[in-house]
Amino acid sequence: MDYSKEFANKSTISACLTLRDQLLNSEEIFDLINQVKEANSDEKKNIGAKLNIIKKEIQDASDGRIQIIQTSNQKITISNLILPLFFQIPIS
């Protein structure tokens, strides 16, 4: 699953973290955890690997969107600092 699509419409870091927590606590994750508990050693490795991949994909998608939000916020902050200075320059 492409989790980045889940995060694409989030505009705040808080919204990303909330969605990340919801996904990490989803029924799919809990089902896999229960499967690991009930599986034999070979199955545990396979199911555990699948679980770790899903968790990593969720975390990476969340981190990627948060990075975009932070970069956007930095650009806005820089613009807010530079633009007022630009308008204070006397034109002669």
PDB file of N, CA and C in Angstrom:
ATOM      1  N   MET A   1       0.842  -1.183   0.000  1.00  0.00           N
ATOM      2  CA  MET A   1       0.000   0.000   0.000  1.00  0.00           C
ATOM      3  C   MET A   1       0.883   1.241   0.000  1.00  0.00           C
ATOM      4  N   ASP A   2       0.461   2.244  -0.750  1.00  0.00           N
ATOM      5  CA  ASP A   2       1.204   3.505  -0.805  1.00  0.00           C
ATOM      6  C   ASP A   2       0.647   4.442   0.269  1.00  0.00           C
ATOM      7  N   TYR A   3       1.296   4.455   1.421  1.00  0.00           N
ATOM      8  CA  TYR A   3       0.813   5.258   2.539  1.00  0.00           C
ATOM      9  C   TYR A   3       1.008   6.749   2.309  1.00  0.00           C
ATOM     10  N   SER A   4       1.879   7.133   1.391  1.00  0.00           N
ATOM     11  CA  SER A   4       2.082   8.561   1.131  1.00  0.00           C
ATOM     12  C   SER A   4       0.793   9.220   0.650  1.00  0.00           C
ATOM     13  N   LYS A   5      -0.060   8.459  -0.021  1.00  0.00           N
ATOM     14  CA  LYS A   5      -1.356   8.998  -0.456  1.00  0.00           C
ATOM     15  C   LYS A   5      -2.240   9.325   0.741  1.00  0.00           C
ATOM     16  N   GLU A   6      -2.118   8.535   1.797  1.00  0.00           N
ATOM     17  CA  GLU A   6      -2.897   8.779   3.014  1.00  0.00           C
ATOM     18  C   GLU A   6      -2.491  10.113   3.659  1.00  0.00           C
ATOM     19  N   PHE A   7      -1.216  10.450   3.543  1.00  0.00           N
ATOM     20  CA  PHE A   7      -0.696  11.651   4.193  1.00  0.00           C
ATOM     21  C   PHE A   7      -0.734  12.886   3.292  1.00  0.00           C
ATOM     22  N   ALA A   8      -0.981  12.712   2.015  1.00  0.00           N
ATOM     23  CA  ALA A   8      -0.853  13.799   1.039  1.00  0.00           C
ATOM     24  C   ALA A   8      -1.713  15.013   1.354  1.00  0.00           C
ATOM     25  N   ASN A   9      -2.879  14.814   1.933  1.00  0.00           N
ATOM     26  CA  ASN A   9      -3.771  15.952   2.177  1.00  0.00           C
ATOM     27  C   ASN A   9      -3.615  16.532   3.577  1.00  0.00           C
ATOM     28  N   LYS A  10      -2.657  16.059   4.335  1.00  0.00           N
ATOM     29  CA  LYS A  10      -2.439  16.586   5.684  1.00  0.00           C
ATOM     30  C   LYS A  10      -1.599  17.854   5.594  1.00  0.00           C
ATOM     31  N   SER A  11      -2.053  18.895   6.300  1.00  0.00           N
ATOM     32  CA  SER A  11      -1.370  20.185   6.178  1.00  0.00           C
ATOM     33  C   SER A  11      -0.629  20.596   7.446  1.00  0.00           C
ATOM     34  N   THR A  12      -0.753  19.804   8.503  1.00  0.00           N
ATOM     35  CA  THR A  12      -0.028  20.124   9.731  1.00  0.00           C
ATOM     36  C   THR A  12       0.732  18.896  10.223  1.00  0.00           C
ATOM     37  N   ILE A  13       1.765  19.169  10.988  1.00  0.00           N
ATOM     38  CA  ILE A  13       2.545  18.083  11.570  1.00  0.00           C
ATOM     39  C   ILE A  13       1.669  17.275  12.519  1.00  0.00           C
ATOM     40  N   SER A  14       0.841  17.960  13.275  1.00  0.00           N
ATOM     41  CA  SER A  14      -0.055  17.286  14.211  1.00  0.00           C
ATOM     42  C   SER A  14      -0.981  16.308  13.495  1.00  0.00           C
ATOM     43  N   ALA A  15      -1.518  16.715  12.361  1.00  0.00           N
ATOM     44  CA  ALA A  15      -2.404  15.837  11.589  1.00  0.00           C
ATOM     45  C   ALA A  15      -1.646  14.610  11.085  1.00  0.00           C
ATOM     46  N   CYS A  16      -0.398  14.799  10.694  1.00  0.00           N
ATOM     47  CA  CYS A  16       0.427  13.667  10.239  1.00  0.00           C
ATOM     48  C   CYS A  16       0.694  12.691  11.379  1.00  0.00           C
ATOM     49  N   LEU A  17       1.012  13.230  12.543  1.00  0.00           N
ATOM     50  CA  LEU A  17       1.300  12.365  13.685  1.00  0.00           C
ATOM     51  C   LEU A  17       0.054  11.609  14.137  1.00  0.00           C
ATOM     52  N   THR A  18      -1.089  12.274  14.088  1.00  0.00           N
ATOM     53  CA  THR A  18      -2.346  11.617  14.448  1.00  0.00           C
ATOM     54  C   THR A  18      -2.649  10.477  13.490  1.00  0.00           C
ATOM     55  N   LEU A  19      -2.513  10.738  12.192  1.00  0.00           N
ATOM     56  CA  LEU A  19      -2.766   9.691  11.203  1.00  0.00           C
ATOM     57  C   LEU A  19      -1.764   8.551  11.353  1.00  0.00           C
ATOM     58  N   ARG A  20      -0.510   8.897  11.583  1.00  0.00           N
ATOM     59  CA  ARG A  20       0.511   7.859  11.780  1.00  0.00           C
ATOM     60  C   ARG A  20       0.132   6.941  12.943  1.00  0.00           C
ATOM     61  N   ASP A  21      -0.281   7.550  14.051  1.00  0.00           N
ATOM     62  CA  ASP A  21      -0.668   6.757  15.218  1.00  0.00           C
ATOM     63  C   ASP A  21      -1.889   5.892  14.931  1.00  0.00           C
ATOM     64  N   GLN A  22      -2.847   6.446  14.188  1.00  0.00           N
ATOM     65  CA  GLN A  22      -4.038   5.668  13.825  1.00  0.00           C
ATOM     66  C   GLN A  22      -3.659   4.468  12.964  1.00  0.00           C
ATOM     67  N   LEU A  23      -2.793   4.683  11.993  1.00  0.00           N
ATOM     68  CA  LEU A  23      -2.382   3.589  11.113  1.00  0.00           C
ATOM     69  C   LEU A  23      -1.569   2.530  11.863  1.00  0.00           C
ATOM     70  N   LEU A  24      -0.697   2.980  12.760  1.00  0.00           N
ATOM     71  CA  LEU A  24       0.120   2.033  13.515  1.00  0.00           C
ATOM     72  C   LEU A  24      -0.701   1.252  14.542  1.00  0.00           C
ATOM     73  N   ASN A  25      -1.861   1.775  14.886  1.00  0.00           N
ATOM     74  CA  ASN A  25      -2.749   1.087  15.824  1.00  0.00           C
ATOM     75  C   ASN A  25      -3.964   0.494  15.123  1.00  0.00           C
ATOM     76  N   SER A  26      -3.847   0.285  13.826  1.00  0.00           N
ATOM     77  CA  SER A  26      -4.973  -0.221  13.043  1.00  0.00           C
ATOM     78  C   SER A  26      -5.200  -1.708  13.293  1.00  0.00           C
ATOM     79  N   GLU A  27      -6.348  -2.159  12.856  1.00  0.00           N
ATOM     80  CA  GLU A  27      -6.697  -3.572  12.994  1.00  0.00           C
ATOM     81  C   GLU A  27      -5.713  -4.459  12.227  1.00  0.00           C
ATOM     82  N   GLU A  28      -5.259  -3.978  11.067  1.00  0.00           N
ATOM     83  CA  GLU A  28      -4.289  -4.748  10.267  1.00  0.00           C
ATOM     84  C   GLU A  28      -3.014  -5.024  11.068  1.00  0.00           C
ATOM     85  N   ILE A  29      -2.518  -4.008  11.758  1.00  0.00           N
ATOM     86  CA  ILE A  29      -1.298  -4.158  12.558  1.00  0.00           C
ATOM     87  C   ILE A  29      -1.540  -5.132  13.710  1.00  0.00           C
ATOM     88  N   PHE A  30      -2.663  -4.958  14.408  1.00  0.00           N
ATOM     89  CA  PHE A  30      -2.957  -5.846  15.531  1.00  0.00           C
ATOM     90  C   PHE A  30      -3.164  -7.285  15.075  1.00  0.00           C
ATOM     91  N   ASP A  31      -3.771  -7.472  13.916  1.00  0.00           N
ATOM     92  CA  ASP A  31      -3.932  -8.826  13.372  1.00  0.00           C
ATOM     93  C   ASP A  31      -2.573  -9.479  13.117  1.00  0.00           C
ATOM     94  N   LEU A  32      -1.659  -8.702  12.543  1.00  0.00           N
ATOM     95  CA  LEU A  32      -0.314  -9.240  12.284  1.00  0.00           C
ATOM     96  C   LEU A  32       0.417  -9.566  13.589  1.00  0.00           C
ATOM     97  N   ILE A  33       0.265  -8.711  14.583  1.00  0.00           N
ATOM     98  CA  ILE A  33       0.895  -8.966  15.885  1.00  0.00           C
ATOM     99  C   ILE A  33       0.356 -10.265  16.478  1.00  0.00           C
ATOM    100  N   ASN A  34      -0.951 -10.456  16.397  1.00  0.00           N
ATOM    101  CA  ASN A  34      -1.553 -11.695  16.913  1.00  0.00           C
ATOM    102  C   ASN A  34      -1.087 -12.909  16.119  1.00  0.00           C
ATOM    103  N   GLN A  35      -0.932 -12.745  14.808  1.00  0.00           N
ATOM    104  CA  GLN A  35      -0.437 -13.847  13.979  1.00  0.00           C
ATOM    105  C   GLN A  35       0.983 -14.236  14.386  1.00  0.00           C
ATOM    106  N   VAL A  36       1.793 -13.230  14.692  1.00  0.00           N
ATOM    107  CA  VAL A  36       3.167 -13.501  15.133  1.00  0.00           C
ATOM    108  C   VAL A  36       3.143 -14.306  16.432  1.00  0.00           C
ATOM    109  N   LYS A  37       2.261 -13.919  17.347  1.00  0.00           N
ATOM    110  CA  LYS A  37       2.180 -14.613  18.637  1.00  0.00           C
ATOM    111  C   LYS A  37       1.785 -16.078  18.472  1.00  0.00           C
ATOM    112  N   GLU A  38       0.934 -16.350  17.488  1.00  0.00           N
ATOM    113  CA  GLU A  38       0.403 -17.700  17.313  1.00  0.00           C
ATOM    114  C   GLU A  38       1.213 -18.563  16.337  1.00  0.00           C
ATOM    115  N   ALA A  39       2.135 -17.971  15.628  1.00  0.00           N
ATOM    116  CA  ALA A  39       2.847 -18.680  14.553  1.00  0.00           C
ATOM    117  C   ALA A  39       4.020 -19.499  15.084  1.00  0.00           C
ATOM    118  N   ASN A  40       4.461 -20.444  14.236  1.00  0.00           N
ATOM    119  CA  ASN A  40       5.689 -21.177  14.565  1.00  0.00           C
ATOM    120  C   ASN A  40       6.885 -20.301  14.194  1.00  0.00           C
ATOM    121  N   SER A  41       8.080 -20.763  14.470  1.00  0.00           N
ATOM    122  CA  SER A  41       9.262 -19.899  14.325  1.00  0.00           C
ATOM    123  C   SER A  41       9.485 -19.398  12.901  1.00  0.00           C
ATOM    124  N   ASP A  42       9.294 -20.245  11.889  1.00  0.00           N
ATOM    125  CA  ASP A  42       9.480 -19.791  10.504  1.00  0.00           C
ATOM    126  C   ASP A  42       8.427 -18.760  10.112  1.00  0.00           C
ATOM    127  N   GLU A  43       7.188 -19.028  10.511  1.00  0.00           N
ATOM    128  CA  GLU A  43       6.107 -18.091  10.193  1.00  0.00           C
ATOM    129  C   GLU A  43       6.303 -16.768  10.928  1.00  0.00           C
ATOM    130  N   LYS A  44       6.802 -16.847  12.163  1.00  0.00           N
ATOM    131  CA  LYS A  44       7.048 -15.628  12.944  1.00  0.00           C
ATOM    132  C   LYS A  44       8.007 -14.703  12.207  1.00  0.00           C
ATOM    133  N   LYS A  45       9.048 -15.279  11.632  1.00  0.00           N
ATOM    134  CA  LYS A  45      10.023 -14.462  10.902  1.00  0.00           C
ATOM    135  C   LYS A  45       9.370 -13.774   9.711  1.00  0.00           C
ATOM    136  N   ASN A  46       8.584 -14.514   8.949  1.00  0.00           N
ATOM    137  CA  ASN A  46       7.941 -13.949   7.757  1.00  0.00           C
ATOM    138  C   ASN A  46       6.901 -12.896   8.118  1.00  0.00           C
ATOM    139  N   ILE A  47       6.047 -13.222   9.082  1.00  0.00           N
ATOM    140  CA  ILE A  47       5.001 -12.277   9.485  1.00  0.00           C
ATOM    141  C   ILE A  47       5.631 -11.063  10.156  1.00  0.00           C
ATOM    142  N   GLY A  48       6.650 -11.300  10.991  1.00  0.00           N
ATOM    143  CA  GLY A  48       7.354 -10.194  11.641  1.00  0.00           C
ATOM    144  C   GLY A  48       8.013  -9.274  10.633  1.00  0.00           C
ATOM    145  N   ALA A  49       8.598  -9.853   9.593  1.00  0.00           N
ATOM    146  CA  ALA A  49       9.220  -9.042   8.540  1.00  0.00           C
ATOM    147  C   ALA A  49       8.166  -8.202   7.827  1.00  0.00           C
ATOM    148  N   LYS A  50       7.022  -8.812   7.538  1.00  0.00           N
ATOM    149  CA  LYS A  50       5.930  -8.079   6.887  1.00  0.00           C
ATOM    150  C   LYS A  50       5.446  -6.940   7.784  1.00  0.00           C
ATOM    151  N   LEU A  51       5.297  -7.209   9.058  1.00  0.00           N
ATOM    152  CA  LEU A  51       4.867  -6.196  10.021  1.00  0.00           C
ATOM    153  C   LEU A  51       5.860  -5.038  10.068  1.00  0.00           C
ATOM    154  N   ASN A  52       7.146  -5.353  10.105  1.00  0.00           N
ATOM    155  CA  ASN A  52       8.171  -4.306  10.144  1.00  0.00           C
ATOM    156  C   ASN A  52       8.178  -3.469   8.870  1.00  0.00           C
ATOM    157  N   ILE A  53       7.939  -4.102   7.735  1.00  0.00           N
ATOM    158  CA  ILE A  53       7.882  -3.359   6.469  1.00  0.00           C
ATOM    159  C   ILE A  53       6.717  -2.381   6.481  1.00  0.00           C
ATOM    160  N   ILE A  54       5.556  -2.842   6.924  1.00  0.00           N
ATOM    161  CA  ILE A  54       4.376  -1.969   6.971  1.00  0.00           C
ATOM    162  C   ILE A  54       4.621  -0.799   7.912  1.00  0.00           C
ATOM    163  N   LYS A  55       5.166  -1.077   9.095  1.00  0.00           N
ATOM    164  CA  LYS A  55       5.455  -0.004  10.054  1.00  0.00           C
ATOM    165  C   LYS A  55       6.444   1.003   9.466  1.00  0.00           C
ATOM    166  N   LYS A  56       7.466   0.508   8.780  1.00  0.00           N
ATOM    167  CA  LYS A  56       8.463   1.400   8.168  1.00  0.00           C
ATOM    168  C   LYS A  56       7.832   2.240   7.064  1.00  0.00           C
ATOM    169  N   GLU A  57       6.967   1.641   6.248  1.00  0.00           N
ATOM    170  CA  GLU A  57       6.301   2.388   5.182  1.00  0.00           C
ATOM    171  C   GLU A  57       5.426   3.498   5.758  1.00  0.00           C
ATOM    172  N   ILE A  58       4.717   3.202   6.838  1.00  0.00           N
ATOM    173  CA  ILE A  58       3.883   4.217   7.489  1.00  0.00           C
ATOM    174  C   ILE A  58       4.761   5.333   8.034  1.00  0.00           C
ATOM    175  N   GLN A  59       5.829   4.981   8.737  1.00  0.00           N
ATOM    176  CA  GLN A  59       6.721   5.981   9.319  1.00  0.00           C
ATOM    177  C   GLN A  59       7.384   6.823   8.235  1.00  0.00           C
ATOM    178  N   ASP A  60       7.840   6.193   7.167  1.00  0.00           N
ATOM    179  CA  ASP A  60       8.482   6.930   6.070  1.00  0.00           C
ATOM    180  C   ASP A  60       7.509   7.893   5.399  1.00  0.00           C
ATOM    181  N   ALA A  61       6.268   7.459   5.200  1.00  0.00           N
ATOM    182  CA  ALA A  61       5.266   8.330   4.583  1.00  0.00           C
ATOM    183  C   ALA A  61       4.975   9.524   5.489  1.00  0.00           C
ATOM    184  N   SER A  62       4.867   9.265   6.773  1.00  0.00           N
ATOM    185  CA  SER A  62       4.637  10.339   7.741  1.00  0.00           C
ATOM    186  C   SER A  62       5.819  11.307   7.762  1.00  0.00           C
ATOM    187  N   ASP A  63       7.024  10.779   7.857  1.00  0.00           N
ATOM    188  CA  ASP A  63       8.227  11.623   7.884  1.00  0.00           C
ATOM    189  C   ASP A  63       8.362  12.445   6.606  1.00  0.00           C
ATOM    190  N   GLY A  64       8.040  11.838   5.469  1.00  0.00           N
ATOM    191  CA  GLY A  64       8.129  12.549   4.193  1.00  0.00           C
ATOM    192  C   GLY A  64       7.191  13.735   4.134  1.00  0.00           C
ATOM    193  N   ARG A  65       5.956  13.535   4.580  1.00  0.00           N
ATOM    194  CA  ARG A  65       4.981  14.633   4.564  1.00  0.00           C
ATOM    195  C   ARG A  65       5.363  15.711   5.575  1.00  0.00           C
ATOM    196  N   ILE A  66       5.835  15.295   6.740  1.00  0.00           N
ATOM    197  CA  ILE A  66       6.269  16.267   7.751  1.00  0.00           C
ATOM    198  C   ILE A  66       7.422  17.102   7.210  1.00  0.00           C
ATOM    199  N   GLN A  67       8.337  16.488   6.500  1.00  0.00           N
ATOM    200  CA  GLN A  67       9.460  17.225   5.898  1.00  0.00           C
ATOM    201  C   GLN A  67       8.952  18.275   4.914  1.00  0.00           C
ATOM    202  N   ILE A  68       7.967  17.911   4.108  1.00  0.00           N
ATOM    203  CA  ILE A  68       7.383  18.858   3.146  1.00  0.00           C
ATOM    204  C   ILE A  68       6.734  20.019   3.886  1.00  0.00           C
ATOM    205  N   ILE A  69       5.999  19.721   4.948  1.00  0.00           N
ATOM    206  CA  ILE A  69       5.331  20.770   5.732  1.00  0.00           C
ATOM    207  C   ILE A  69       6.366  21.691   6.364  1.00  0.00           C
ATOM    208  N   GLN A  70       7.419  21.129   6.943  1.00  0.00           N
ATOM    209  CA  GLN A  70       8.453  21.945   7.577  1.00  0.00           C
ATOM    210  C   GLN A  70       9.165  22.828   6.562  1.00  0.00           C
ATOM    211  N   THR A  71       9.473  22.292   5.407  1.00  0.00           N
ATOM    212  CA  THR A  71      10.126  23.075   4.353  1.00  0.00           C
ATOM    213  C   THR A  71       9.227  24.214   3.907  1.00  0.00           C
ATOM    214  N   SER A  72       7.958  23.932   3.739  1.00  0.00           N
ATOM    215  CA  SER A  72       6.998  24.957   3.341  1.00  0.00           C
ATOM    216  C   SER A  72       6.907  26.046   4.406  1.00  0.00           C
ATOM    217  N   ASN A  73       6.873  25.651   5.669  1.00  0.00           N
ATOM    218  CA  ASN A  73       6.802  26.627   6.759  1.00  0.00           C
ATOM    219  C   ASN A  73       8.061  27.481   6.818  1.00  0.00           C
ATOM    220  N   GLN A  74       9.218  26.898   6.525  1.00  0.00           N
ATOM    221  CA  GLN A  74      10.461  27.665   6.518  1.00  0.00           C
ATOM    222  C   GLN A  74      10.451  28.693   5.397  1.00  0.00           C
ATOM    223  N   LYS A  75       9.948  28.313   4.226  1.00  0.00           N
ATOM    224  CA  LYS A  75       9.876  29.247   3.107  1.00  0.00           C
ATOM    225  C   LYS A  75       8.961  30.410   3.442  1.00  0.00           C
ATOM    226  N   ILE A  76       7.840  30.129   4.085  1.00  0.00           N
ATOM    227  CA  ILE A  76       6.905  31.183   4.467  1.00  0.00           C
ATOM    228  C   ILE A  76       7.564  32.118   5.470  1.00  0.00           C
ATOM    229  N   THR A  77       8.274  31.565   6.448  1.00  0.00           N
ATOM    230  CA  THR A  77       8.938  32.376   7.458  1.00  0.00           C
ATOM    231  C   THR A  77       9.991  33.272   6.816  1.00  0.00           C
ATOM    232  N   ILE A  78      10.786  32.749   5.922  1.00  0.00           N
ATOM    233  CA  ILE A  78      11.808  33.545   5.242  1.00  0.00           C
ATOM    234  C   ILE A  78      11.153  34.646   4.419  1.00  0.00           C
ATOM    235  N   SER A  79      10.081  34.321   3.711  1.00  0.00           N
ATOM    236  CA  SER A  79       9.368  35.328   2.927  1.00  0.00           C
ATOM    237  C   SER A  79       8.823  36.424   3.826  1.00  0.00           C
ATOM    238  N   ASN A  80       8.304  36.051   4.976  1.00  0.00           N
ATOM    239  CA  ASN A  80       7.757  37.041   5.901  1.00  0.00           C
ATOM    240  C   ASN A  80       8.844  37.951   6.458  1.00  0.00           C
ATOM    241  N   LEU A  81      10.068  37.483   6.503  1.00  0.00           N
ATOM    242  CA  LEU A  81      11.170  38.310   6.980  1.00  0.00           C
ATOM    243  C   LEU A  81      11.731  39.199   5.874  1.00  0.00           C
ATOM    244  N   ILE A  82      11.776  38.697   4.655  1.00  0.00           N
ATOM    245  CA  ILE A  82      12.402  39.422   3.549  1.00  0.00           C
ATOM    246  C   ILE A  82      11.468  40.457   2.934  1.00  0.00           C
ATOM    247  N   LEU A  83      10.227  40.106   2.716  1.00  0.00           N
ATOM    248  CA  LEU A  83       9.301  41.023   2.044  1.00  0.00           C
ATOM    249  C   LEU A  83       9.146  42.360   2.762  1.00  0.00           C
ATOM    250  N   PRO A  84       8.988  42.393   4.078  1.00  0.00           N
ATOM    251  CA  PRO A  84       8.899  43.707   4.733  1.00  0.00           C
ATOM    252  C   PRO A  84      10.155  44.548   4.522  1.00  0.00           C
ATOM    253  N   LEU A  85      11.310  43.924   4.482  1.00  0.00           N
ATOM    254  CA  LEU A  85      12.549  44.662   4.235  1.00  0.00           C
ATOM    255  C   LEU A  85      12.557  45.243   2.830  1.00  0.00           C
ATOM    256  N   PHE A  86      12.050  44.503   1.881  1.00  0.00           N
ATOM    257  CA  PHE A  86      11.997  44.956   0.500  1.00  0.00           C
ATOM    258  C   PHE A  86      11.164  46.230   0.370  1.00  0.00           C
ATOM    259  N   PHE A  87      10.065  46.277   1.088  1.00  0.00           N
ATOM    260  CA  PHE A  87       9.179  47.438   0.977  1.00  0.00           C
ATOM    261  C   PHE A  87       9.675  48.638   1.767  1.00  0.00           C
ATOM    262  N   GLN A  88      10.698  48.470   2.580  1.00  0.00           N
ATOM    263  CA  GLN A  88      11.265  49.585   3.329  1.00  0.00           C
ATOM    264  C   GLN A  88      12.381  50.292   2.566  1.00  0.00           C
ATOM    265  N   ILE A  89      12.800  49.741   1.449  1.00  0.00           N
ATOM    266  CA  ILE A  89      13.876  50.339   0.667  1.00  0.00           C
ATOM    267  C   ILE A  89      13.327  51.588  -0.023  1.00  0.00           C
ATOM    268  N   PRO A  90      13.939  52.732   0.232  1.00  0.00           N
ATOM    269  CA  PRO A  90      13.446  53.962  -0.419  1.00  0.00           C
ATOM    270  C   PRO A  90      13.763  53.941  -1.917  1.00  0.00           C
ATOM    271  N   ILE A  91      12.800  54.346  -2.677  1.00  0.00           N
ATOM    272  CA  ILE A  91      12.981  54.428  -4.128  1.00  0.00           C
ATOM    273  C   ILE A  91      13.190  55.894  -4.467  1.00  0.00           C
ATOM    274  N   SER A  92      14.329  56.213  -5.088  1.00  0.00           N
ATOM    275  CA  SER A  92      14.587  57.615  -5.423  1.00  0.00           C
ATOM    276  C   SER A  92      14.731  57.813  -6.896  1.00  0.00           C
TER     277      SER A  92
END
